[in-house]
Amino acid sequence: MTHALNLTLPIKQDADTQAKLKHLAEIFEEKVQPAIEAALQQSHIVHFARVVVIENKYIQVITEYEGPHQEYTEFFRRTLTPVFAQIFSLAADAPDVKDTNAFWEYSMKHNIRSLGQSNGGSTDFSGKPAGWLFSAYVNKTVVQIQDALAKA
């Protein structure tokens, strides 16, 4: 089952944080993006991923992934600790990313539900019906899609 992560963090507006954000943007393509991409390839559960900054006021980590929410969250917390440390340092009240439970709780709190309701049985982090997420692949996993493409 495919789930959506719409992690949306308000960015602190002080000069130091805005300088950190500018630095992150400057190094993203050459340093951060390859680390994220390597983790995504290793996971075999993420369909799509992106990091978006909205008017220097919000930073979003948006993905479509498979599997249990907490396992997904923990895999990326462990695999990308330095990346999430940079991202979380921009947000108010963010926990230490080395704290498994605090990271999970913060991620749950800041995962914004999409409009509508899942018509495929997907649930949110608390087990309630998730917001709407269209999938042209109708419950196909990343591995199934990759295998089919390899045979084509």
Protein backbone atom coordinates (compact mmCIF):
# COMPACT_ATOMS: atom_id res chain seq x y z
CA MET A 1 0.00 0.00 0.00
CA THR A 2 1.33 3.40 -0.96
CA HIS A 3 1.34 6.22 1.60
CA ALA A 4 2.07 9.93 1.38
CA LEU A 5 4.49 11.83 3.56
CA ASN A 6 3.80 15.57 3.54
CA LEU A 7 6.23 16.59 6.26
CA THR A 8 5.81 20.35 6.56
CA LEU A 9 7.98 22.28 8.99
CA PRO A 10 7.69 26.01 9.71
CA ILE A 11 11.11 27.61 9.29
CA LYS A 12 12.31 29.94 12.02
CA GLN A 13 12.65 33.47 10.69
CA ASP A 14 15.75 34.68 12.57
CA ALA A 15 18.85 35.67 10.57
CA ASP A 16 20.92 32.65 11.70
CA THR A 17 18.26 30.16 10.57
CA GLN A 18 17.75 31.96 7.27
CA ALA A 19 21.53 31.78 6.68
CA LYS A 20 21.42 28.01 7.40
CA LEU A 21 18.56 27.67 4.91
CA LYS A 22 20.54 29.57 2.28
CA HIS A 23 23.54 27.31 2.91
CA LEU A 24 21.38 24.18 2.63
CA ALA A 25 20.03 25.41 -0.72
CA GLU A 26 23.57 26.11 -1.94
CA ILE A 27 24.90 22.64 -1.08
CA PHE A 28 21.73 20.66 -1.75
CA GLU A 29 22.41 19.53 -5.32
CA GLU A 30 26.00 18.43 -4.77
CA LYS A 31 25.94 17.11 -1.19
CA VAL A 32 22.45 16.56 0.19
CA GLN A 33 20.63 15.30 -2.88
CA PRO A 34 23.11 12.45 -3.55
CA ALA A 35 22.84 11.27 0.08
CA ILE A 36 19.05 11.27 -0.08
CA GLU A 37 19.07 9.56 -3.47
CA ALA A 38 21.39 6.79 -2.22
CA ALA A 39 19.12 6.14 0.77
CA LEU A 40 16.05 6.10 -1.45
CA GLN A 41 17.66 3.59 -3.81
CA GLN A 42 18.67 1.41 -0.86
CA SER A 43 15.16 1.44 0.62
CA HIS A 44 13.27 -0.06 -2.37
CA ILE A 45 10.05 1.41 -0.91
CA VAL A 46 9.92 5.03 -2.11
CA HIS A 47 8.18 5.86 -5.38
CA PHE A 48 8.86 9.61 -5.44
CA ALA A 49 10.59 12.13 -3.19
CA ARG A 50 11.31 15.84 -3.11
CA VAL A 51 12.27 18.63 -0.74
CA VAL A 52 10.45 21.92 -1.19
CA VAL A 53 10.98 25.32 0.43
CA ILE A 54 8.00 27.67 0.34
CA GLU A 55 8.90 31.36 0.50
CA ASN A 56 11.60 30.62 3.11
CA LYS A 57 8.77 30.02 5.59
CA TYR A 58 8.22 26.26 5.28
CA ILE A 59 10.34 23.29 4.29
CA GLN A 60 8.63 20.15 3.10
CA VAL A 61 9.83 16.60 2.65
CA ILE A 62 7.29 14.96 0.38
CA THR A 63 7.38 11.29 -0.55
CA GLU A 64 5.17 8.45 -1.70
CA TYR A 65 6.24 5.21 -0.03
CA GLU A 66 5.17 1.70 0.94
CA GLY A 67 5.03 -0.15 4.21
CA PRO A 68 4.51 0.66 7.87
CA HIS A 69 4.88 4.36 8.69
CA GLN A 70 7.11 3.95 11.73
CA GLU A 71 9.52 1.56 9.97
CA TYR A 72 9.75 3.97 7.03
CA THR A 73 10.38 6.93 9.34
CA GLU A 74 13.00 5.07 11.36
CA PHE A 75 14.86 3.82 8.28
CA PHE A 76 15.32 7.37 7.00
CA ARG A 77 16.06 8.80 10.45
CA ARG A 78 18.89 6.29 10.83
CA THR A 79 20.14 6.41 7.24
CA LEU A 80 19.95 10.19 6.81
CA THR A 81 20.59 11.49 10.33
CA PRO A 82 22.88 14.34 9.14
CA VAL A 83 20.37 15.42 6.47
CA PHE A 84 17.45 15.47 8.88
CA ALA A 85 19.59 17.23 11.47
CA GLN A 86 20.10 20.04 8.94
CA ILE A 87 16.42 20.18 7.99
CA PHE A 88 15.14 19.96 11.57
CA SER A 89 17.59 22.65 12.72
CA LEU A 90 15.58 25.09 10.61
CA ALA A 91 12.32 24.40 12.45
CA ALA A 92 11.03 25.55 15.81
CA ASP A 93 10.83 22.99 18.60
CA ALA A 94 12.45 20.25 16.51
CA PRO A 95 13.83 17.30 18.47
CA ASP A 96 17.30 15.83 18.36
CA VAL A 97 17.12 13.53 15.32
CA LYS A 98 19.07 10.89 17.27
CA ASP A 99 16.04 10.47 19.56
CA THR A 100 13.94 7.79 17.84
CA ASN A 101 10.68 8.45 19.68
CA ALA A 102 10.92 12.24 19.52
CA PHE A 103 11.69 12.07 15.78
CA TRP A 104 8.66 9.83 15.22
CA GLU A 105 6.35 12.05 17.29
CA TYR A 106 7.57 15.23 15.58
CA SER A 107 7.18 13.65 12.15
CA MET A 108 3.64 12.52 12.99
CA LYS A 109 2.72 15.98 14.25
CA HIS A 110 4.05 17.69 11.11
CA ASN A 111 2.76 15.28 8.46
CA ILE A 112 0.02 17.34 6.83
CA ARG A 113 -2.97 15.33 5.63
CA SER A 114 -3.96 15.83 2.01
CA LEU A 115 -7.53 16.73 1.12
CA GLY A 116 -10.07 13.99 0.51
CA GLN A 117 -9.86 10.43 1.72
CA SER A 118 -7.86 7.45 0.58
CA ASN A 119 -9.83 5.12 -1.64
CA GLY A 120 -7.18 2.41 -1.36
CA GLY A 121 -7.23 1.73 2.37
CA SER A 122 -4.15 3.82 3.24
CA THR A 123 -4.00 5.10 6.80
CA ASP A 124 -2.23 8.06 8.39
CA PHE A 125 0.38 7.82 11.15
CA SER A 126 -2.31 7.37 13.80
CA GLY A 127 -4.24 4.66 11.94
CA LYS A 128 -7.06 6.89 10.69
CA PRO A 129 -7.96 6.94 6.98
CA ALA A 130 -5.31 8.87 5.08
CA GLY A 131 -5.97 11.77 2.76
CA TRP A 132 -6.40 11.14 -0.94
CA LEU A 133 -3.41 9.95 -2.96
CA PHE A 134 -3.82 8.91 -6.57
CA SER A 135 -1.72 6.04 -7.88
CA ALA A 136 -1.76 4.89 -11.49
CA TYR A 137 -0.07 1.67 -10.36
CA VAL A 138 -2.90 0.40 -8.12
CA ASN A 139 -1.00 -1.15 -5.21
CA LYS A 140 2.11 -2.11 -7.19
CA THR A 141 5.30 -1.96 -5.15
CA VAL A 142 8.50 -0.23 -6.19
CA VAL A 143 10.14 -3.64 -6.66
CA GLN A 144 7.26 -4.91 -8.81
CA ILE A 145 7.43 -1.80 -11.00
CA GLN A 146 11.24 -2.02 -11.32
CA ASP A 147 11.00 -5.73 -12.21
CA ALA A 148 8.34 -5.06 -14.85
CA LEU A 149 10.41 -2.27 -16.38
CA ALA A 150 13.52 -4.46 -16.44
CA LYS A 151 11.60 -7.08 -18.42
CA ALA A 152 10.15 -4.56 -20.89
